[in-house]
Amino acid sequence: MAATRAARQRLDNIMDIGKEGFVLPAFAKTIHDSKQEIMHACGLVLLHGLPIEGLSFAGIAAMYWGFVAHIGSACSQNALGYLLDMLSIPAAVSTI
């Protein structure tokens, strides 16, 4: 949360958030493991359990963007050029 707040105070655009300005020392192993999974295993990771309570949509986007900045560089996710998209998994599905 501290990295998210700091980045949002300094920057207007989440695309300006880089790993140097989004320090996550407690997540170093998670970041390393996520990058390994993406690059050398199934190609994706599911991030869950991040503290999003009390954050706006922009705050949540900044948190994810900052985390992912440690893994690689942004590229378009679809034909519309979106760099970040959100999805919600209903509780009944997420427990399967």
PDB file of N, CA and C in Angstrom:
ATOM      1  N   MET A   1       0.820  -1.195   0.000  1.00  0.00           N
ATOM      2  CA  MET A   1       0.000   0.000   0.000  1.00  0.00           C
ATOM      3  C   MET A   1       0.861   1.256   0.000  1.00  0.00           C
ATOM      4  N   ALA A   2       1.975   1.244   0.727  1.00  0.00           N
ATOM      5  CA  ALA A   2       2.835   2.426   0.799  1.00  0.00           C
ATOM      6  C   ALA A   2       3.387   2.772  -0.576  1.00  0.00           C
ATOM      7  N   ALA A   3       3.804   1.761  -1.343  1.00  0.00           N
ATOM      8  CA  ALA A   3       4.335   2.011  -2.682  1.00  0.00           C
ATOM      9  C   ALA A   3       3.250   2.582  -3.587  1.00  0.00           C
ATOM     10  N   THR A   4       2.023   2.093  -3.452  1.00  0.00           N
ATOM     11  CA  THR A   4       0.909   2.595  -4.257  1.00  0.00           C
ATOM     12  C   THR A   4       0.629   4.054  -3.930  1.00  0.00           C
ATOM     13  N   ARG A   5       0.541   4.371  -2.635  1.00  0.00           N
ATOM     14  CA  ARG A   5       0.285   5.762  -2.234  1.00  0.00           C
ATOM     15  C   ARG A   5       1.386   6.693  -2.726  1.00  0.00           C
ATOM     16  N   ALA A   6       2.635   6.279  -2.568  1.00  0.00           N
ATOM     17  CA  ALA A   6       3.765   7.117  -2.983  1.00  0.00           C
ATOM     18  C   ALA A   6       3.740   7.362  -4.488  1.00  0.00           C
ATOM     19  N   ALA A   7       3.482   6.329  -5.260  1.00  0.00           N
ATOM     20  CA  ALA A   7       3.441   6.474  -6.715  1.00  0.00           C
ATOM     21  C   ALA A   7       2.298   7.383  -7.145  1.00  0.00           C
ATOM     22  N   ARG A   8       1.150   7.238  -6.531  1.00  0.00           N
ATOM     23  CA  ARG A   8      -0.010   8.067  -6.898  1.00  0.00           C
ATOM     24  C   ARG A   8       0.213   9.523  -6.540  1.00  0.00           C
ATOM     25  N   GLN A   9       0.962   9.795  -5.476  1.00  0.00           N
ATOM     26  CA  GLN A   9       1.250  11.180  -5.084  1.00  0.00           C
ATOM     27  C   GLN A   9       2.239  11.830  -6.047  1.00  0.00           C
ATOM     28  N   ARG A  10       3.176  11.059  -6.570  1.00  0.00           N
ATOM     29  CA  ARG A  10       4.219  11.596  -7.444  1.00  0.00           C
ATOM     30  C   ARG A  10       3.796  11.677  -8.901  1.00  0.00           C
ATOM     31  N   LEU A  11       2.938  10.769  -9.343  1.00  0.00           N
ATOM     32  CA  LEU A  11       2.660  10.620 -10.771  1.00  0.00           C
ATOM     33  C   LEU A  11       1.176  10.729 -11.075  1.00  0.00           C
ATOM     34  N   ASP A  12       0.864  11.335 -12.209  1.00  0.00           N
ATOM     35  CA  ASP A  12      -0.528  11.449 -12.647  1.00  0.00           C
ATOM     36  C   ASP A  12      -0.957  10.266 -13.508  1.00  0.00           C
ATOM     37  N   ASN A  13      -0.013   9.652 -14.193  1.00  0.00           N
ATOM     38  CA  ASN A  13      -0.317   8.596 -15.142  1.00  0.00           C
ATOM     39  C   ASN A  13       0.333   7.300 -14.668  1.00  0.00           C
ATOM     40  N   ILE A  14      -0.445   6.232 -14.542  1.00  0.00           N
ATOM     41  CA  ILE A  14       0.138   4.975 -14.053  1.00  0.00           C
ATOM     42  C   ILE A  14       1.201   4.439 -14.993  1.00  0.00           C
ATOM     43  N   MET A  15       1.155   4.810 -16.277  1.00  0.00           N
ATOM     44  CA  MET A  15       2.160   4.334 -17.220  1.00  0.00           C
ATOM     45  C   MET A  15       3.546   4.879 -16.893  1.00  0.00           C
ATOM     46  N   ASP A  16       3.617   5.896 -16.040  1.00  0.00           N
ATOM     47  CA  ASP A  16       4.899   6.450 -15.619  1.00  0.00           C
ATOM     48  C   ASP A  16       5.490   5.717 -14.415  1.00  0.00           C
ATOM     49  N   ILE A  17       4.750   4.773 -13.852  1.00  0.00           N
ATOM     50  CA  ILE A  17       5.238   4.006 -12.708  1.00  0.00           C
ATOM     51  C   ILE A  17       6.222   2.959 -13.206  1.00  0.00           C
ATOM     52  N   GLY A  18       7.415   2.984 -12.654  1.00  0.00           N
ATOM     53  CA  GLY A  18       8.430   1.983 -12.977  1.00  0.00           C
ATOM     54  C   GLY A  18       8.880   1.278 -11.714  1.00  0.00           C
ATOM     55  N   LYS A  19       9.640   0.220 -11.863  1.00  0.00           N
ATOM     56  CA  LYS A  19      10.053  -0.547 -10.691  1.00  0.00           C
ATOM     57  C   LYS A  19      10.942   0.264  -9.758  1.00  0.00           C
ATOM     58  N   GLU A  20      11.708   1.215 -10.291  1.00  0.00           N
ATOM     59  CA  GLU A  20      12.572   2.028  -9.437  1.00  0.00           C
ATOM     60  C   GLU A  20      11.762   2.900  -8.480  1.00  0.00           C
ATOM     61  N   GLY A  21      10.597   3.344  -8.915  1.00  0.00           N
ATOM     62  CA  GLY A  21       9.758   4.205  -8.094  1.00  0.00           C
ATOM     63  C   GLY A  21       8.649   3.473  -7.363  1.00  0.00           C
ATOM     64  N   PHE A  22       8.647   2.153  -7.459  1.00  0.00           N
ATOM     65  CA  PHE A  22       7.614   1.338  -6.825  1.00  0.00           C
ATOM     66  C   PHE A  22       8.329   0.215  -6.071  1.00  0.00           C
ATOM     67  N   VAL A  23       8.888   0.576  -4.939  1.00  0.00           N
ATOM     68  CA  VAL A  23       9.757  -0.323  -4.174  1.00  0.00           C
ATOM     69  C   VAL A  23       8.915  -1.326  -3.386  1.00  0.00           C
ATOM     70  N   LEU A  24       9.233  -2.606  -3.580  1.00  0.00           N
ATOM     71  CA  LEU A  24       8.482  -3.700  -2.949  1.00  0.00           C
ATOM     72  C   LEU A  24       9.420  -4.730  -2.330  1.00  0.00           C
ATOM     73  N   PRO A  25      10.213  -4.359  -1.339  1.00  0.00           N
ATOM     74  CA  PRO A  25      11.185  -5.318  -0.787  1.00  0.00           C
ATOM     75  C   PRO A  25      10.546  -6.571  -0.183  1.00  0.00           C
ATOM     76  N   ALA A  26       9.365  -6.447   0.394  1.00  0.00           N
ATOM     77  CA  ALA A  26       8.715  -7.610   1.014  1.00  0.00           C
ATOM     78  C   ALA A  26       8.193  -8.597  -0.028  1.00  0.00           C
ATOM     79  N   PHE A  27       8.077  -8.151  -1.287  1.00  0.00           N
ATOM     80  CA  PHE A  27       7.544  -9.011  -2.344  1.00  0.00           C
ATOM     81  C   PHE A  27       8.618  -9.508  -3.298  1.00  0.00           C
ATOM     82  N   ALA A  28       9.887  -9.366  -2.958  1.00  0.00           N
ATOM     83  CA  ALA A  28      10.975  -9.745  -3.865  1.00  0.00           C
ATOM     84  C   ALA A  28      10.858 -11.202  -4.322  1.00  0.00           C
ATOM     85  N   LYS A  29      10.588 -12.121  -3.395  1.00  0.00           N
ATOM     86  CA  LYS A  29      10.475 -13.537  -3.759  1.00  0.00           C
ATOM     87  C   LYS A  29       9.234 -13.780  -4.621  1.00  0.00           C
ATOM     88  N   THR A  30       8.116 -13.151  -4.263  1.00  0.00           N
ATOM     89  CA  THR A  30       6.888 -13.305  -5.053  1.00  0.00           C
ATOM     90  C   THR A  30       7.102 -12.785  -6.468  1.00  0.00           C
ATOM     91  N   ILE A  31       7.772 -11.653  -6.599  1.00  0.00           N
ATOM     92  CA  ILE A  31       8.050 -11.086  -7.920  1.00  0.00           C
ATOM     93  C   ILE A  31       8.947 -12.033  -8.719  1.00  0.00           C
ATOM     94  N   HIS A  32      10.002 -12.516  -8.090  1.00  0.00           N
ATOM     95  CA  HIS A  32      10.910 -13.446  -8.764  1.00  0.00           C
ATOM     96  C   HIS A  32      10.171 -14.708  -9.211  1.00  0.00           C
ATOM     97  N   ASP A  33       9.394 -15.296  -8.316  1.00  0.00           N
ATOM     98  CA  ASP A  33       8.655 -16.521  -8.638  1.00  0.00           C
ATOM     99  C   ASP A  33       7.627 -16.274  -9.738  1.00  0.00           C
ATOM    100  N   SER A  34       6.954 -15.128  -9.689  1.00  0.00           N
ATOM    101  CA  SER A  34       5.967 -14.792 -10.718  1.00  0.00           C
ATOM    102  C   SER A  34       6.628 -14.663 -12.074  1.00  0.00           C
ATOM    103  N   LYS A  35       7.757 -13.990 -12.122  1.00  0.00           N
ATOM    104  CA  LYS A  35       8.465 -13.816 -13.396  1.00  0.00           C
ATOM    105  C   LYS A  35       8.912 -15.168 -13.948  1.00  0.00           C
ATOM    106  N   GLN A  36       9.403 -16.040 -13.090  1.00  0.00           N
ATOM    107  CA  GLN A  36       9.820 -17.373 -13.533  1.00  0.00           C
ATOM    108  C   GLN A  36       8.627 -18.155 -14.094  1.00  0.00           C
ATOM    109  N   GLU A  37       7.495 -18.071 -13.423  1.00  0.00           N
ATOM    110  CA  GLU A  37       6.290 -18.775 -13.871  1.00  0.00           C
ATOM    111  C   GLU A  37       5.834 -18.257 -15.240  1.00  0.00           C
ATOM    112  N   ILE A  38       5.888 -16.954 -15.416  1.00  0.00           N
ATOM    113  CA  ILE A  38       5.466 -16.355 -16.678  1.00  0.00           C
ATOM    114  C   ILE A  38       6.432 -16.708 -17.802  1.00  0.00           C
ATOM    115  N   MET A  39       7.711 -16.604 -17.537  1.00  0.00           N
ATOM    116  CA  MET A  39       8.712 -16.786 -18.591  1.00  0.00           C
ATOM    117  C   MET A  39       9.024 -18.254 -18.906  1.00  0.00           C
ATOM    118  N   HIS A  40       8.927 -19.128 -17.908  1.00  0.00           N
ATOM    119  CA  HIS A  40       9.424 -20.489 -18.111  1.00  0.00           C
ATOM    120  C   HIS A  40       8.411 -21.592 -17.796  1.00  0.00           C
ATOM    121  N   ALA A  41       7.197 -21.230 -17.476  1.00  0.00           N
ATOM    122  CA  ALA A  41       6.201 -22.262 -17.142  1.00  0.00           C
ATOM    123  C   ALA A  41       4.919 -21.985 -17.918  1.00  0.00           C
ATOM    124  N   CYS A  42       3.818 -21.766 -17.215  1.00  0.00           N
ATOM    125  CA  CYS A  42       2.523 -21.686 -17.905  1.00  0.00           C
ATOM    126  C   CYS A  42       2.240 -20.344 -18.582  1.00  0.00           C
ATOM    127  N   GLY A  43       3.031 -19.311 -18.299  1.00  0.00           N
ATOM    128  CA  GLY A  43       2.858 -18.048 -19.011  1.00  0.00           C
ATOM    129  C   GLY A  43       1.968 -17.029 -18.341  1.00  0.00           C
ATOM    130  N   LEU A  44       1.436 -17.348 -17.170  1.00  0.00           N
ATOM    131  CA  LEU A  44       0.612 -16.391 -16.447  1.00  0.00           C
ATOM    132  C   LEU A  44       0.635 -16.694 -14.963  1.00  0.00           C
ATOM    133  N   VAL A  45       0.272 -15.695 -14.194  1.00  0.00           N
ATOM    134  CA  VAL A  45       0.116 -15.877 -12.750  1.00  0.00           C
ATOM    135  C   VAL A  45      -1.170 -15.188 -12.329  1.00  0.00           C
ATOM    136  N   LEU A  46      -1.748 -15.668 -11.264  1.00  0.00           N
ATOM    137  CA  LEU A  46      -2.945 -15.068 -10.692  1.00  0.00           C
ATOM    138  C   LEU A  46      -2.534 -14.347  -9.417  1.00  0.00           C
ATOM    139  N   LEU A  47      -2.733 -13.044  -9.400  1.00  0.00           N
ATOM    140  CA  LEU A  47      -2.451 -12.264  -8.199  1.00  0.00           C
ATOM    141  C   LEU A  47      -3.739 -12.158  -7.401  1.00  0.00           C
ATOM    142  N   HIS A  48      -3.693 -12.576  -6.159  1.00  0.00           N
ATOM    143  CA  HIS A  48      -4.877 -12.470  -5.314  1.00  0.00           C
ATOM    144  C   HIS A  48      -4.431 -12.170  -3.891  1.00  0.00           C
ATOM    145  N   GLY A  49      -5.345 -11.641  -3.130  1.00  0.00           N
ATOM    146  CA  GLY A  49      -5.045 -11.328  -1.740  1.00  0.00           C
ATOM    147  C   GLY A  49      -4.322 -10.011  -1.536  1.00  0.00           C
ATOM    148  N   LEU A  50      -4.207  -9.214  -2.596  1.00  0.00           N
ATOM    149  CA  LEU A  50      -3.565  -7.908  -2.432  1.00  0.00           C
ATOM    150  C   LEU A  50      -4.519  -6.971  -1.696  1.00  0.00           C
ATOM    151  N   PRO A  51      -3.993  -6.084  -0.871  1.00  0.00           N
ATOM    152  CA  PRO A  51      -4.843  -5.220  -0.041  1.00  0.00           C
ATOM    153  C   PRO A  51      -5.472  -4.080  -0.834  1.00  0.00           C
ATOM    154  N   ILE A  52      -6.653  -4.322  -1.412  1.00  0.00           N
ATOM    155  CA  ILE A  52      -7.298  -3.304  -2.234  1.00  0.00           C
ATOM    156  C   ILE A  52      -8.417  -2.553  -1.503  1.00  0.00           C
ATOM    157  N   GLU A  53      -8.724  -2.972  -0.289  1.00  0.00           N
ATOM    158  CA  GLU A  53      -9.791  -2.319   0.455  1.00  0.00           C
ATOM    159  C   GLU A  53      -9.460  -0.837   0.609  1.00  0.00           C
ATOM    160  N   GLY A  54     -10.433   0.007   0.318  1.00  0.00           N
ATOM    161  CA  GLY A  54     -10.264   1.450   0.468  1.00  0.00           C
ATOM    162  C   GLY A  54      -9.584   2.126  -0.710  1.00  0.00           C
ATOM    163  N   LEU A  55      -9.163   1.352  -1.723  1.00  0.00           N
ATOM    164  CA  LEU A  55      -8.540   1.956  -2.897  1.00  0.00           C
ATOM    165  C   LEU A  55      -9.574   2.196  -3.981  1.00  0.00           C
ATOM    166  N   SER A  56      -9.402   3.271  -4.718  1.00  0.00           N
ATOM    167  CA  SER A  56     -10.243   3.541  -5.883  1.00  0.00           C
ATOM    168  C   SER A  56      -9.805   2.614  -7.016  1.00  0.00           C
ATOM    169  N   PHE A  57     -10.564   2.624  -8.102  1.00  0.00           N
ATOM    170  CA  PHE A  57     -10.176   1.855  -9.288  1.00  0.00           C
ATOM    171  C   PHE A  57      -8.786   2.285  -9.744  1.00  0.00           C
ATOM    172  N   ALA A  58      -8.511   3.596  -9.741  1.00  0.00           N
ATOM    173  CA  ALA A  58      -7.200   4.117 -10.147  1.00  0.00           C
ATOM    174  C   ALA A  58      -6.109   3.638  -9.191  1.00  0.00           C
ATOM    175  N   GLY A  59      -6.409   3.549  -7.919  1.00  0.00           N
ATOM    176  CA  GLY A  59      -5.446   3.055  -6.944  1.00  0.00           C
ATOM    177  C   GLY A  59      -5.129   1.593  -7.153  1.00  0.00           C
ATOM    178  N   ILE A  60      -6.151   0.792  -7.436  1.00  0.00           N
ATOM    179  CA  ILE A  60      -5.950  -0.637  -7.712  1.00  0.00           C
ATOM    180  C   ILE A  60      -5.126  -0.799  -8.980  1.00  0.00           C
ATOM    181  N   ALA A  61      -5.437  -0.015 -10.009  1.00  0.00           N
ATOM    182  CA  ALA A  61      -4.687  -0.076 -11.260  1.00  0.00           C
ATOM    183  C   ALA A  61      -3.218   0.271 -11.015  1.00  0.00           C
ATOM    184  N   ALA A  62      -2.965   1.293 -10.212  1.00  0.00           N
ATOM    185  CA  ALA A  62      -1.582   1.688  -9.900  1.00  0.00           C
ATOM    186  C   ALA A  62      -0.852   0.577  -9.159  1.00  0.00           C
ATOM    187  N   MET A  63      -1.543  -0.104  -8.239  1.00  0.00           N
ATOM    188  CA  MET A  63      -0.923  -1.195  -7.496  1.00  0.00           C
ATOM    189  C   MET A  63      -0.513  -2.325  -8.438  1.00  0.00           C
ATOM    190  N   TYR A  64      -1.413  -2.752  -9.292  1.00  0.00           N
ATOM    191  CA  TYR A  64      -1.097  -3.822 -10.226  1.00  0.00           C
ATOM    192  C   TYR A  64      -0.004  -3.394 -11.198  1.00  0.00           C
ATOM    193  N   TRP A  65      -0.102  -2.163 -11.709  1.00  0.00           N
ATOM    194  CA  TRP A  65       0.894  -1.668 -12.661  1.00  0.00           C
ATOM    195  C   TRP A  65       2.281  -1.658 -12.013  1.00  0.00           C
ATOM    196  N   GLY A  66       2.352  -1.174 -10.787  1.00  0.00           N
ATOM    197  CA  GLY A  66       3.633  -1.129 -10.087  1.00  0.00           C
ATOM    198  C   GLY A  66       4.211  -2.510  -9.855  1.00  0.00           C
ATOM    199  N   PHE A  67       3.370  -3.453  -9.468  1.00  0.00           N
ATOM    200  CA  PHE A  67       3.821  -4.828  -9.256  1.00  0.00           C
ATOM    201  C   PHE A  67       4.355  -5.412 -10.563  1.00  0.00           C
ATOM    202  N   VAL A  68       3.591  -5.248 -11.628  1.00  0.00           N
ATOM    203  CA  VAL A  68       3.961  -5.831 -12.916  1.00  0.00           C
ATOM    204  C   VAL A  68       5.178  -5.132 -13.519  1.00  0.00           C
ATOM    205  N   ALA A  69       5.420  -3.864 -13.161  1.00  0.00           N
ATOM    206  CA  ALA A  69       6.615  -3.161 -13.645  1.00  0.00           C
ATOM    207  C   ALA A  69       7.891  -3.895 -13.232  1.00  0.00           C
ATOM    208  N   HIS A  70       7.816  -4.666 -12.154  1.00  0.00           N
ATOM    209  CA  HIS A  70       8.974  -5.444 -11.704  1.00  0.00           C
ATOM    210  C   HIS A  70       9.178  -6.713 -12.524  1.00  0.00           C
ATOM    211  N   ILE A  71       8.160  -7.117 -13.256  1.00  0.00           N
ATOM    212  CA  ILE A  71       8.216  -8.371 -14.005  1.00  0.00           C
ATOM    213  C   ILE A  71       8.644  -8.162 -15.449  1.00  0.00           C
ATOM    214  N   GLY A  72       8.215  -7.077 -16.061  1.00  0.00           N
ATOM    215  CA  GLY A  72       8.554  -6.841 -17.465  1.00  0.00           C
ATOM    216  C   GLY A  72       8.061  -5.486 -17.924  1.00  0.00           C
ATOM    217  N   SER A  73       7.939  -5.325 -19.215  1.00  0.00           N
ATOM    218  CA  SER A  73       7.468  -4.049 -19.764  1.00  0.00           C
ATOM    219  C   SER A  73       6.067  -4.226 -20.336  1.00  0.00           C
ATOM    220  N   ALA A  74       5.339  -3.140 -20.383  1.00  0.00           N
ATOM    221  CA  ALA A  74       3.945  -3.177 -20.822  1.00  0.00           C
ATOM    222  C   ALA A  74       3.846  -3.354 -22.331  1.00  0.00           C
ATOM    223  N   CYS A  75       2.836  -4.093 -22.732  1.00  0.00           N
ATOM    224  CA  CYS A  75       2.492  -4.189 -24.147  1.00  0.00           C
ATOM    225  C   CYS A  75       0.974  -4.302 -24.241  1.00  0.00           C
ATOM    226  N   SER A  76       0.446  -3.978 -25.386  1.00  0.00           N
ATOM    227  CA  SER A  76      -0.999  -3.987 -25.585  1.00  0.00           C
ATOM    228  C   SER A  76      -1.577  -5.372 -25.306  1.00  0.00           C
ATOM    229  N   GLN A  77      -2.740  -5.390 -24.655  1.00  0.00           N
ATOM    230  CA  GLN A  77      -3.384  -6.640 -24.286  1.00  0.00           C
ATOM    231  C   GLN A  77      -4.488  -7.056 -25.245  1.00  0.00           C
ATOM    232  N   ASN A  78      -4.860  -6.147 -26.165  1.00  0.00           N
ATOM    233  CA  ASN A  78      -5.923  -6.479 -27.111  1.00  0.00           C
ATOM    234  C   ASN A  78      -5.847  -5.549 -28.324  1.00  0.00           C
ATOM    235  N   ALA A  79      -6.743  -5.748 -29.266  1.00  0.00           N
ATOM    236  CA  ALA A  79      -6.736  -4.966 -30.500  1.00  0.00           C
ATOM    237  C   ALA A  79      -7.035  -3.488 -30.263  1.00  0.00           C
ATOM    238  N   LEU A  80      -7.634  -3.160 -29.120  1.00  0.00           N
ATOM    239  CA  LEU A  80      -7.942  -1.767 -28.811  1.00  0.00           C
ATOM    240  C   LEU A  80      -6.758  -1.038 -28.181  1.00  0.00           C
ATOM    241  N   GLY A  81      -5.695  -1.759 -27.904  1.00  0.00           N
ATOM    242  CA  GLY A  81      -4.498  -1.145 -27.350  1.00  0.00           C
ATOM    243  C   GLY A  81      -4.499  -1.003 -25.841  1.00  0.00           C
ATOM    244  N   TYR A  82      -5.431  -1.654 -25.145  1.00  0.00           N
ATOM    245  CA  TYR A  82      -5.471  -1.566 -23.690  1.00  0.00           C
ATOM    246  C   TYR A  82      -4.189  -2.134 -23.089  1.00  0.00           C
ATOM    247  N   LEU A  83      -3.636  -1.419 -22.131  1.00  0.00           N
ATOM    248  CA  LEU A  83      -2.452  -1.900 -21.432  1.00  0.00           C
ATOM    249  C   LEU A  83      -2.806  -2.583 -20.126  1.00  0.00           C
ATOM    250  N   LEU A  84      -3.978  -2.306 -19.608  1.00  0.00           N
ATOM    251  CA  LEU A  84      -4.409  -2.890 -18.339  1.00  0.00           C
ATOM    252  C   LEU A  84      -5.905  -3.087 -18.400  1.00  0.00           C
ATOM    253  N   ASP A  85      -6.361  -4.238 -17.979  1.00  0.00           N
ATOM    254  CA  ASP A  85      -7.787  -4.516 -17.934  1.00  0.00           C
ATOM    255  C   ASP A  85      -8.058  -5.276 -16.647  1.00  0.00           C
ATOM    256  N   MET A  86      -9.232  -5.128 -16.111  1.00  0.00           N
ATOM    257  CA  MET A  86      -9.602  -5.785 -14.861  1.00  0.00           C
ATOM    258  C   MET A  86     -10.701  -6.804 -15.141  1.00  0.00           C
ATOM    259  N   LEU A  87     -10.677  -7.869 -14.363  1.00  0.00           N
ATOM    260  CA  LEU A  87     -11.790  -8.791 -14.388  1.00  0.00           C
ATOM    261  C   LEU A  87     -12.109  -9.183 -12.974  1.00  0.00           C
ATOM    262  N   SER A  88     -13.335  -9.541 -12.783  1.00  0.00           N
ATOM    263  CA  SER A  88     -13.794  -9.925 -11.465  1.00  0.00           C
ATOM    264  C   SER A  88     -14.291 -11.364 -11.535  1.00  0.00           C
ATOM    265  N   ILE A  89     -13.864 -12.161 -10.567  1.00  0.00           N
ATOM    266  CA  ILE A  89     -14.291 -13.554 -10.516  1.00  0.00           C
ATOM    267  C   ILE A  89     -15.287 -13.696  -9.375  1.00  0.00           C
ATOM    268  N   PRO A  90     -16.514 -14.119  -9.674  1.00  0.00           N
ATOM    269  CA  PRO A  90     -17.501 -14.298  -8.596  1.00  0.00           C
ATOM    270  C   PRO A  90     -16.980 -15.254  -7.527  1.00  0.00           C
ATOM    271  N   ALA A  91     -17.362 -15.030  -6.305  1.00  0.00           N
ATOM    272  CA  ALA A  91     -16.885 -15.837  -5.168  1.00  0.00           C
ATOM    273  C   ALA A  91     -17.160 -17.326  -5.379  1.00  0.00           C
ATOM    274  N   ALA A  92     -18.313 -17.657  -5.962  1.00  0.00           N
ATOM    275  CA  ALA A  92     -18.654 -19.072  -6.168  1.00  0.00           C
ATOM    276  C   ALA A  92     -17.676 -19.736  -7.131  1.00  0.00           C
ATOM    277  N   VAL A  93     -17.184 -18.999  -8.114  1.00  0.00           N
ATOM    278  CA  VAL A  93     -16.244 -19.561  -9.084  1.00  0.00           C
ATOM    279  C   VAL A  93     -14.832 -19.607  -8.504  1.00  0.00           C
ATOM    280  N   SER A  94     -14.474 -18.571  -7.733  1.00  0.00           N
ATOM    281  CA  SER A  94     -13.089 -18.481  -7.261  1.00  0.00           C
ATOM    282  C   SER A  94     -12.744 -19.544  -6.229  1.00  0.00           C
ATOM    283  N   THR A  95     -13.730 -20.252  -5.709  1.00  0.00           N
ATOM    284  CA  THR A  95     -13.444 -21.290  -4.728  1.00  0.00           C
ATOM    285  C   THR A  95     -13.273 -22.661  -5.366  1.00  0.00           C
ATOM    286  N   ILE A  96     -13.472 -22.759  -6.666  1.00  0.00           N
ATOM    287  CA  ILE A  96     -13.371 -24.052  -7.367  1.00  0.00           C
ATOM    288  C   ILE A  96     -11.912 -24.416  -7.536  1.00  0.00           C
TER     289      ILE A  96
END
